[in-house]
């Protein structure tokens, strides 16, 4: 991962972050004044004021927000501290642990291979990963007299497919989320789940990861239930098997370099260590309970496709703008428009159970389905947040969030280092304030 040659800070960005004009910072997209792209500058300024108040109240360490409309960067703001313990101010080029915002990156990698004919969505995962043809499902049984729960392992009704991995209907689970005690125990034994290090399975090699997942029972029969899971991590192993490259190498060559995402990867080099955004170490929304973030200073044993990447707001804005453009940015085509439409369409029909819908998990509201790598809005209404049909998005455990609204020609990236039980509220508030600034 190499830092790109940085351009001088444009006047718009200088005003937003109140930093010297000479400070070098990434310029992810051409800039425009808010009114030139149908946005109200005064209303956009509410975002920074809100974040500053949260920083002052010690509820957030700091953050970076970038808003683009019609392909132009119209608002960029860095607020608070990159590292409050050392009083280091937040900077526009701060590097964040993006956790589950890694998933869309890996989903795009898989779809690149689909376009090349090296993967089909209907392929059984066992074509790429050993042992996945022999998986069993752990089914809970409730004793009607004692109310005790036991588990029975039965053969999977069908094998999971690559499409199942992309849309989280694989039957896999997260140890942090699943209610199936047998699955959680198997993940713990295999090193896939550690309660002290949420969403971190990077200590296993790719081979160890695959073997541990194949040895554990599924939580659901493939294709029957939407359950947020280690599916994207498994998808990363599929990308490796189909491409013959380590996931981090494939992404660097096929996505990060072409899009000039110079600060995105799975480890932060020593030269950039001083740019890593650090958390408060506590969650103010959970009675100041201790909470940490993954160590990204050393290369992981495996590039976790579900939760292991780092990025900047500028890099991720370029990635999201590429998708909003139908797979192309600055003349560089990553995917075809047809593939992007497929990815951003809902893939959950009435046959797939949704005990917790994607929107409820992400934002605390219904109104969203799930495509191939991210949530997608089903209609202009229903959801308790603004947006249009076709809006797509996802977020990360560490406090990062992005969305794109193709009909409104809007792309937004919000980065903080604040893992919290209250992060869904910040996502909703960010959406409310950005959409309130649209004037036409």
Protein backbone atom coordinates (compact mmCIF):
# COMPACT_ATOMS: atom_id res chain seq x y z
CA UNK A 1 0.00 0.00 0.00
CA UNK A 2 1.62 3.22 -1.13
CA UNK A 3 0.47 6.70 -0.41
CA UNK A 4 -0.53 8.58 -3.53
CA UNK A 5 1.06 11.83 -4.57
CA UNK A 6 -1.08 14.38 -2.76
CA UNK A 7 -2.39 17.60 -4.21
CA UNK A 8 -2.60 20.95 -2.48
CA UNK A 9 -5.67 21.42 -0.33
CA UNK A 10 -8.42 23.05 -2.45
CA UNK A 11 -10.10 26.19 -1.12
CA UNK A 12 -13.39 24.37 -0.43
CA UNK A 13 -11.68 21.78 1.73
CA UNK A 14 -9.56 24.38 3.46
CA UNK A 15 -12.66 26.26 4.52
CA UNK A 16 -14.38 23.12 5.70
CA UNK A 17 -11.62 21.87 7.95
CA UNK A 18 -10.10 25.24 8.88
CA UNK A 19 -6.60 24.07 8.00
CA UNK A 20 -3.80 25.90 6.19
CA UNK A 21 -4.15 25.99 2.43
CA UNK A 22 -0.68 24.51 2.07
CA UNK A 23 -1.54 21.29 3.95
CA UNK A 24 -1.26 18.37 1.53
CA UNK A 25 -4.36 16.21 1.34
CA UNK A 26 -5.90 13.76 -1.10
CA UNK A 27 -8.30 15.27 -3.59
CA UNK A 28 -10.57 12.31 -4.37
CA UNK A 29 -12.89 14.00 -6.91
CA UNK A 30 -13.16 17.33 -8.71
CA UNK A 31 -14.53 19.94 -6.31
CA UNK A 32 -17.55 22.20 -6.63
CA UNK A 33 -19.29 24.76 -4.48
CA UNK A 34 -22.37 23.21 -2.83
CA UNK A 35 -24.81 25.45 -4.72
CA UNK A 36 -23.28 24.34 -8.04
CA UNK A 37 -24.50 20.79 -7.41
CA UNK A 38 -27.83 21.54 -5.75
CA UNK A 39 -26.74 21.62 -2.12
CA UNK A 40 -27.13 24.27 0.58
CA UNK A 41 -23.79 25.18 2.20
CA UNK A 42 -25.36 26.47 5.41
CA UNK A 43 -27.30 23.25 5.88
CA UNK A 44 -24.22 21.15 5.17
CA UNK A 45 -22.42 23.11 7.88
CA UNK A 46 -24.81 21.57 10.42
CA UNK A 47 -22.88 18.31 9.99
CA UNK A 48 -19.65 19.78 11.31
CA UNK A 49 -21.43 21.60 14.12
CA UNK A 50 -23.12 18.37 15.20
CA UNK A 51 -19.89 16.39 15.15
CA UNK A 52 -18.05 19.12 17.07
CA UNK A 53 -20.70 18.98 19.78
CA UNK A 54 -20.30 15.21 20.03
CA UNK A 55 -16.52 15.56 20.28
CA UNK A 56 -16.87 18.26 22.95
CA UNK A 57 -19.18 15.95 24.92
CA UNK A 58 -16.58 13.15 24.66
CA UNK A 59 -18.99 10.92 22.77
CA UNK A 60 -16.80 10.81 19.64
CA UNK A 61 -13.04 11.23 19.26
CA UNK A 62 -13.43 12.91 15.87
CA UNK A 63 -14.40 12.18 12.31
CA UNK A 64 -14.12 12.91 8.61
CA UNK A 65 -17.11 13.45 6.32
CA UNK A 66 -17.10 13.78 2.54
CA UNK A 67 -20.19 14.52 0.44
CA UNK A 68 -20.16 14.35 -3.35
CA UNK A 69 -22.98 15.17 -5.73
CA UNK A 70 -23.07 14.84 -9.50
CA UNK A 71 -19.53 13.50 -9.33
CA UNK A 72 -18.12 16.57 -7.54
CA UNK A 73 -16.81 16.88 -3.98
CA UNK A 74 -19.02 19.55 -2.43
CA UNK A 75 -18.31 19.15 1.27
CA UNK A 76 -15.39 17.76 3.24
CA UNK A 77 -14.79 18.23 6.93
CA UNK A 78 -12.39 16.86 9.53
CA UNK A 79 -13.51 17.41 13.13
CA UNK A 80 -12.05 16.63 16.54
CA UNK A 81 -9.08 14.39 17.19
CA UNK A 82 -7.28 11.72 15.22
CA UNK A 83 -5.82 10.65 18.57
CA UNK A 84 -7.36 12.37 21.57
CA UNK A 85 -4.88 10.84 24.02
CA UNK A 86 -2.05 12.75 22.35
CA UNK A 87 -4.22 15.73 21.37
CA UNK A 88 -3.48 15.08 17.69
CA UNK A 89 -6.13 16.82 15.55
CA UNK A 90 -8.18 14.93 13.02
CA UNK A 91 -6.90 15.27 9.45
CA UNK A 92 -8.66 14.66 6.12
CA UNK A 93 -6.16 11.91 5.28
CA UNK A 94 -6.59 9.98 8.56
CA UNK A 95 -6.56 6.19 8.11
CA UNK A 96 -9.50 4.30 9.61
CA UNK A 97 -10.14 0.66 10.39
CA UNK A 98 -13.20 0.10 8.21
CA UNK A 99 -14.23 -3.37 9.49
CA UNK A 100 -17.35 -4.45 7.53
CA UNK A 101 -16.86 -1.80 4.87
CA UNK A 102 -14.26 -4.32 3.67
CA UNK A 103 -17.18 -6.48 2.48
CA UNK A 104 -18.11 -4.30 -0.54
CA UNK A 105 -14.44 -4.28 -1.64
CA UNK A 106 -14.31 -8.08 -1.62
CA UNK A 107 -17.71 -8.32 -3.29
CA UNK A 108 -16.40 -6.20 -6.16
CA UNK A 109 -13.34 -8.45 -6.37
CA UNK A 110 -15.58 -11.49 -6.72
CA UNK A 111 -17.69 -9.80 -9.39
CA UNK A 112 -14.56 -8.93 -11.38
CA UNK A 113 -13.90 -12.67 -11.53
CA UNK A 114 -17.54 -13.32 -12.43
CA UNK A 115 -17.21 -10.94 -15.38
CA UNK A 116 -14.09 -12.82 -16.47
CA UNK A 117 -15.93 -16.14 -16.35
CA UNK A 118 -13.74 -17.55 -13.58
CA UNK A 119 -16.65 -17.66 -11.11
CA UNK A 120 -20.38 -18.14 -11.52
CA UNK A 121 -22.84 -17.03 -8.86
CA UNK A 122 -24.46 -20.47 -8.97
CA UNK A 123 -21.16 -22.27 -8.31
CA UNK A 124 -21.14 -24.31 -5.09
CA UNK A 125 -18.55 -22.90 -2.70
CA UNK A 126 -17.12 -26.42 -2.44
CA UNK A 127 -15.78 -25.96 -5.97
CA UNK A 128 -13.25 -23.55 -4.44
CA UNK A 129 -13.01 -24.46 -0.74
CA UNK A 130 -12.36 -28.02 0.49
CA UNK A 131 -14.88 -29.59 2.88
CA UNK A 132 -17.79 -27.30 2.07
CA UNK A 133 -19.65 -30.12 0.32
CA UNK A 134 -19.92 -32.02 3.62
CA UNK A 135 -21.22 -29.33 5.96
CA UNK A 136 -23.88 -30.03 8.57
CA UNK A 137 -26.45 -27.72 10.10
CA UNK A 138 -26.90 -27.26 13.84
CA UNK A 139 -30.65 -27.22 14.49
CA UNK A 140 -31.92 -26.18 17.93
CA UNK A 141 -34.50 -28.34 19.72
CA UNK A 142 -36.61 -26.93 22.56
CA UNK A 143 -37.75 -29.34 25.27
CA UNK A 144 -41.44 -28.48 25.79
CA UNK A 145 -41.30 -29.47 29.47
CA UNK A 146 -37.97 -28.10 30.70
CA UNK A 147 -37.57 -25.37 28.03
CA UNK A 148 -33.98 -26.51 27.70
CA UNK A 149 -32.34 -26.09 24.27
CA UNK A 150 -30.32 -28.86 22.70
CA UNK A 151 -28.83 -29.14 19.23
CA UNK A 152 -29.07 -31.78 16.53
CA UNK A 153 -26.72 -31.82 13.56
CA UNK A 154 -28.29 -32.70 10.22
CA UNK A 155 -26.88 -32.70 6.67
CA UNK A 156 -27.24 -29.43 4.78
CA UNK A 157 -30.29 -29.48 2.50
CA UNK A 158 -28.20 -28.05 -0.32
CA UNK A 159 -24.72 -26.62 -0.71
CA UNK A 160 -24.10 -22.91 -0.34
CA UNK A 161 -23.33 -21.00 -3.53
CA UNK A 162 -21.18 -17.97 -4.29
CA UNK A 163 -24.40 -15.93 -4.48
CA UNK A 164 -25.21 -17.10 -0.93
CA UNK A 165 -21.86 -15.73 0.28
CA UNK A 166 -22.45 -12.39 -1.43
CA UNK A 167 -25.95 -11.94 0.01
CA UNK A 168 -25.37 -13.57 3.46
CA UNK A 169 -27.70 -16.53 2.95
CA UNK A 170 -24.89 -19.10 3.23
CA UNK A 171 -25.89 -20.51 6.62
CA UNK A 172 -22.67 -19.20 8.14
CA UNK A 173 -22.83 -16.95 11.19
CA UNK A 174 -20.86 -14.52 13.34
CA UNK A 175 -19.89 -15.72 16.81
CA UNK A 176 -20.60 -12.18 17.99
CA UNK A 177 -24.22 -12.30 16.77
CA UNK A 178 -25.52 -15.87 16.50
CA UNK A 179 -27.91 -17.28 19.09
CA UNK A 180 -26.78 -20.82 18.28
CA UNK A 181 -24.54 -21.83 21.18
CA UNK A 182 -23.15 -24.85 19.34
CA UNK A 183 -22.04 -22.76 16.37
CA UNK A 184 -20.50 -20.16 18.67
CA UNK A 185 -18.60 -22.86 20.55
CA UNK A 186 -17.27 -24.33 17.29
CA UNK A 187 -16.17 -20.89 16.09
CA UNK A 188 -14.43 -20.29 19.42
CA UNK A 189 -12.62 -23.62 19.24
CA UNK A 190 -11.54 -22.95 15.66
CA UNK A 191 -10.28 -19.43 16.35
CA UNK A 192 -13.02 -17.80 14.29
CA UNK A 193 -14.51 -15.99 17.28
CA UNK A 194 -12.80 -14.35 20.24
CA UNK A 195 -15.05 -12.40 22.57
CA UNK A 196 -12.14 -10.11 23.53
CA UNK A 197 -11.49 -9.15 19.88
CA UNK A 198 -14.81 -8.62 18.07
CA UNK A 199 -14.92 -9.40 14.35
CA UNK A 200 -11.25 -10.34 14.20
CA UNK A 201 -10.29 -13.69 12.65
CA UNK A 202 -7.08 -12.39 11.06
CA UNK A 203 -4.80 -14.53 13.21
CA UNK A 204 -5.52 -17.65 11.12
CA UNK A 205 -3.82 -18.36 7.80
CA UNK A 206 -6.18 -18.66 4.81
CA UNK A 207 -5.85 -22.44 4.98
CA UNK A 208 -6.52 -22.50 8.73
CA UNK A 209 -9.49 -20.20 8.31
CA UNK A 210 -11.05 -22.39 5.62
CA UNK A 211 -10.44 -25.58 7.63
CA UNK A 212 -11.96 -24.08 10.79
CA UNK A 213 -15.05 -22.89 8.94
CA UNK A 214 -15.49 -26.28 7.24
CA UNK A 215 -15.22 -28.03 10.63
CA UNK A 216 -17.98 -25.93 12.23
CA UNK A 217 -21.70 -26.56 11.74
CA UNK A 218 -23.84 -24.09 9.88
CA UNK A 219 -26.40 -22.02 11.78
CA UNK A 220 -28.99 -22.28 9.00
CA UNK A 221 -29.56 -24.29 5.84
CA UNK A 222 -28.00 -22.45 2.88
CA UNK A 223 -30.43 -20.26 0.95
CA UNK A 224 -33.10 -20.16 3.66
CA UNK A 225 -32.21 -17.22 5.92
CA UNK A 226 -30.52 -13.82 5.74
CA UNK A 227 -28.02 -13.83 8.60
CA UNK A 228 -25.06 -11.47 8.81
CA UNK A 229 -21.98 -13.65 8.94
CA UNK A 230 -18.46 -14.66 8.02
CA UNK A 231 -19.70 -15.06 4.44
CA UNK A 232 -17.51 -12.25 3.11
CA UNK A 233 -14.44 -13.77 4.76
CA UNK A 234 -15.25 -17.05 3.01
CA UNK A 235 -15.80 -15.09 -0.21
CA UNK A 236 -12.28 -13.74 0.12
CA UNK A 237 -11.00 -17.32 0.19
CA UNK A 238 -13.03 -18.03 -2.96
CA UNK A 239 -11.42 -15.02 -4.67
CA UNK A 240 -8.01 -16.41 -3.72
CA UNK A 241 -8.83 -19.88 -5.06
CA UNK A 242 -10.29 -18.58 -8.32
CA UNK A 243 -7.56 -16.01 -8.98
CA UNK A 244 -4.54 -17.87 -7.66
CA UNK A 245 -3.52 -14.76 -5.68
CA UNK A 246 -3.71 -13.70 -2.07
CA UNK A 247 -6.76 -11.52 -1.54
CA UNK A 248 -4.74 -8.44 -0.62
CA UNK A 249 -2.65 -8.79 -3.80
CA UNK A 250 -5.69 -9.23 -6.05
CA UNK A 251 -7.42 -6.19 -4.55
CA UNK A 252 -4.29 -4.07 -4.84
CA UNK A 253 -3.78 -4.95 -8.49
CA UNK A 254 -7.36 -5.02 -9.70
CA UNK A 255 -9.11 -2.39 -7.56
CA UNK A 256 -6.92 -0.18 -5.37
CA UNK A 257 -4.24 0.73 -7.92
CA UNK A 258 -6.65 1.32 -10.84
CA UNK A 259 -8.83 3.58 -8.66
CA UNK A 260 -5.82 5.29 -7.03
CA UNK A 261 -6.91 4.16 -3.56
CA UNK A 262 -3.36 4.48 -2.26
CA UNK A 263 -4.18 4.25 1.45
CA UNK A 264 -6.46 1.24 1.33
CA UNK A 265 -5.20 -2.21 2.29
CA UNK A 266 -4.92 -4.62 5.21
CA UNK A 267 -1.99 -3.11 7.09
CA UNK A 268 -0.78 0.44 7.70
CA UNK A 269 2.92 0.85 6.83
CA UNK A 270 5.21 2.34 9.45
CA UNK A 271 5.55 5.56 7.45
CA UNK A 272 1.78 6.15 7.81
CA UNK A 273 1.38 4.96 11.41
CA UNK A 274 0.97 8.54 12.57
CA UNK A 275 -2.17 8.88 10.46
CA UNK A 276 -4.20 6.06 12.09
CA UNK A 277 -7.40 7.29 13.74
CA UNK A 278 -7.61 6.09 17.33
CA UNK A 279 -10.72 5.53 19.44
CA UNK A 280 -11.56 6.71 22.93
CA UNK A 281 -11.10 3.21 24.36
CA UNK A 282 -14.62 3.31 25.83
CA UNK A 283 -18.18 3.32 24.56
CA UNK A 284 -20.04 6.31 26.06
CA UNK A 285 -23.35 4.78 24.89
CA UNK A 286 -22.66 1.64 26.95
CA UNK A 287 -21.80 3.14 30.33
CA UNK A 288 -18.21 3.74 29.22
CA UNK A 289 -17.53 0.04 28.78
CA UNK A 290 -14.01 -0.64 27.45
CA UNK A 291 -13.89 -1.16 23.69
CA UNK A 292 -10.89 -1.60 21.43
CA UNK A 293 -9.99 -1.69 17.76
CA UNK A 294 -7.94 -4.17 15.73
CA UNK A 295 -4.18 -3.75 15.46
CA UNK A 296 -3.39 -2.79 11.87
CA UNK A 297 0.31 -2.10 12.34
CA UNK A 298 1.39 -5.63 11.37
CA UNK A 299 0.40 -7.75 8.35
CA UNK A 300 -2.38 -10.20 9.31
CA UNK A 301 -2.10 -13.95 8.80
CA UNK A 302 -5.08 -13.64 6.44
CA UNK A 303 -6.65 -10.66 4.73
CA UNK A 304 -10.08 -10.72 6.34
CA UNK A 305 -12.58 -10.04 3.57
CA UNK A 306 -15.26 -9.31 6.14
CA UNK A 307 -13.61 -6.93 8.55
CA UNK A 308 -9.87 -6.45 8.06
CA UNK A 309 -9.23 -3.47 5.78
CA UNK A 310 -8.14 0.10 6.41
CA UNK A 311 -8.93 3.12 4.26
CA UNK A 312 -9.38 6.88 4.18
CA UNK A 313 -12.52 8.87 3.50
CA UNK A 314 -11.01 10.01 0.20
CA UNK A 315 -10.17 6.49 -0.97
CA UNK A 316 -13.57 5.10 -0.08
CA UNK A 317 -15.30 8.03 -1.72
CA UNK A 318 -13.57 7.13 -4.99
CA UNK A 319 -14.63 3.49 -4.62
CA UNK A 320 -18.25 4.44 -3.93
CA UNK A 321 -18.33 6.99 -6.74
CA UNK A 322 -17.12 4.27 -9.11
CA UNK A 323 -20.11 2.14 -8.17
CA UNK A 324 -22.51 5.10 -8.39
CA UNK A 325 -21.15 5.77 -11.89
CA UNK A 326 -21.99 2.25 -13.00
CA UNK A 327 -18.55 0.74 -12.50
CA UNK A 328 -16.24 3.42 -13.93
CA UNK A 329 -14.26 6.38 -12.57
CA UNK A 330 -11.86 8.71 -14.37
CA UNK A 331 -12.07 6.55 -17.47
CA UNK A 332 -11.05 3.40 -15.57
CA UNK A 333 -13.71 0.70 -15.79
CA UNK A 334 -13.80 -1.81 -12.92
CA UNK A 335 -17.21 -3.40 -13.60
CA UNK A 336 -19.89 -3.14 -16.27
CA UNK A 337 -23.09 -1.19 -15.57
CA UNK A 338 -25.05 -4.46 -15.79
CA UNK A 339 -22.93 -5.99 -13.03
CA UNK A 340 -23.36 -2.97 -10.78
CA UNK A 341 -27.14 -3.09 -11.32
CA UNK A 342 -27.10 -6.74 -10.32
CA UNK A 343 -25.05 -6.00 -7.19
CA UNK A 344 -27.24 -3.09 -6.09
CA UNK A 345 -30.56 -4.89 -6.66
CA UNK A 346 -32.33 -6.76 -3.88
CA UNK A 347 -31.52 -10.51 -3.79
CA UNK A 348 -33.80 -11.46 -0.89
CA UNK A 349 -37.17 -12.82 -2.00
CA UNK A 350 -40.14 -14.08 0.04
CA UNK A 351 -38.60 -17.54 0.39
CA UNK A 352 -35.70 -16.18 2.44
CA UNK A 353 -36.42 -15.61 6.12
CA UNK A 354 -35.21 -12.37 7.68
CA UNK A 355 -35.47 -12.57 11.50
CA UNK A 356 -33.56 -9.26 11.50
CA UNK A 357 -33.72 -7.38 8.21
CA UNK A 358 -30.62 -5.68 6.76
CA UNK A 359 -32.06 -2.24 7.46
CA UNK A 360 -32.87 -3.09 11.05
CA UNK A 361 -29.31 -4.33 11.61
CA UNK A 362 -27.74 -1.32 9.95
CA UNK A 363 -30.07 1.58 10.75
CA UNK A 364 -32.75 0.30 13.09
CA UNK A 365 -35.43 0.56 10.42
CA UNK A 366 -37.09 -1.67 7.86
CA UNK A 367 -37.25 -0.81 4.17
CA UNK A 368 -34.02 -2.38 2.94
CA UNK A 369 -33.11 -5.60 1.20
CA UNK A 370 -29.65 -6.90 0.43
CA UNK A 371 -27.80 -7.12 -2.85
CA UNK A 372 -24.40 -8.61 -3.58
CA UNK A 373 -22.34 -6.94 -0.90
CA UNK A 374 -24.45 -4.20 0.65
CA UNK A 375 -27.96 -3.19 1.74
CA UNK A 376 -30.19 -1.72 -0.94
CA UNK A 377 -33.28 0.44 -0.46
CA UNK A 378 -36.54 -1.11 -1.68
CA UNK A 379 -38.69 2.03 -2.12
CA UNK A 380 -38.68 5.77 -1.54
CA UNK A 381 -40.82 5.23 1.54
CA UNK A 382 -41.06 2.71 4.41
CA UNK A 383 -37.53 3.33 5.72
CA UNK A 384 -37.27 5.90 8.53
CA UNK A 385 -34.42 7.73 6.79
CA UNK A 386 -34.37 9.85 3.61
CA UNK A 387 -33.35 8.40 0.27
CA UNK A 388 -34.55 7.01 -3.03
CA UNK A 389 -35.24 3.55 -4.35
CA UNK A 390 -31.90 1.98 -5.29
CA UNK A 391 -29.88 3.70 -2.58
CA UNK A 392 -27.14 1.28 -1.39
CA UNK A 393 -24.88 1.30 1.64
CA UNK A 394 -23.02 -0.47 4.39
CA UNK A 395 -21.05 0.34 7.52
CA UNK A 396 -18.30 -0.88 9.82
CA UNK A 397 -18.13 -1.92 13.46
CA UNK A 398 -15.47 0.73 14.10
CA UNK A 399 -17.84 3.61 13.30
CA UNK A 400 -17.51 4.04 9.53
CA UNK A 401 -20.42 4.37 7.11
CA UNK A 402 -21.05 5.02 3.42
CA UNK A 403 -23.97 5.25 1.05
CA UNK A 404 -24.72 6.10 -2.54
CA UNK A 405 -28.02 7.29 -3.98
CA UNK A 406 -27.80 7.04 -7.78
CA UNK A 407 -31.12 8.80 -8.37
CA UNK A 408 -30.02 11.77 -6.29
CA UNK A 409 -26.46 11.51 -7.73
CA UNK A 410 -25.22 11.50 -4.14
CA UNK A 411 -22.25 9.74 -2.52
CA UNK A 412 -21.35 10.12 1.15
CA UNK A 413 -18.57 8.69 3.32
CA UNK A 414 -18.49 9.15 7.12
CA UNK A 415 -15.45 7.92 9.03
CA UNK A 416 -14.92 7.75 12.78
CA UNK A 417 -12.97 5.49 15.14
CA UNK A 418 -15.87 4.91 17.52
CA UNK A 419 -17.16 1.36 17.95
CA UNK A 420 -20.42 1.81 19.84
CA UNK A 421 -23.81 0.28 20.45
CA UNK A 422 -25.17 3.69 19.39
CA UNK A 423 -23.53 3.88 15.96
CA UNK A 424 -26.82 3.29 14.07
CA UNK A 425 -28.10 6.59 15.45
CA UNK A 426 -25.10 8.42 14.00
CA UNK A 427 -25.76 6.82 10.61
CA UNK A 428 -29.38 7.99 10.65
CA UNK A 429 -28.44 11.51 11.76
CA UNK A 430 -25.80 11.80 9.06
CA UNK A 431 -28.35 10.82 6.41
CA UNK A 432 -30.92 13.27 7.75
CA UNK A 433 -28.51 16.20 7.66
CA UNK A 434 -27.09 15.44 4.21
CA UNK A 435 -30.51 15.01 2.54
CA UNK A 436 -31.76 18.16 4.28
CA UNK A 437 -29.11 20.08 2.34
CA UNK A 438 -30.45 19.05 -1.10
CA UNK A 439 -32.08 22.01 -2.86
CA UNK A 440 -32.79 20.54 -6.25
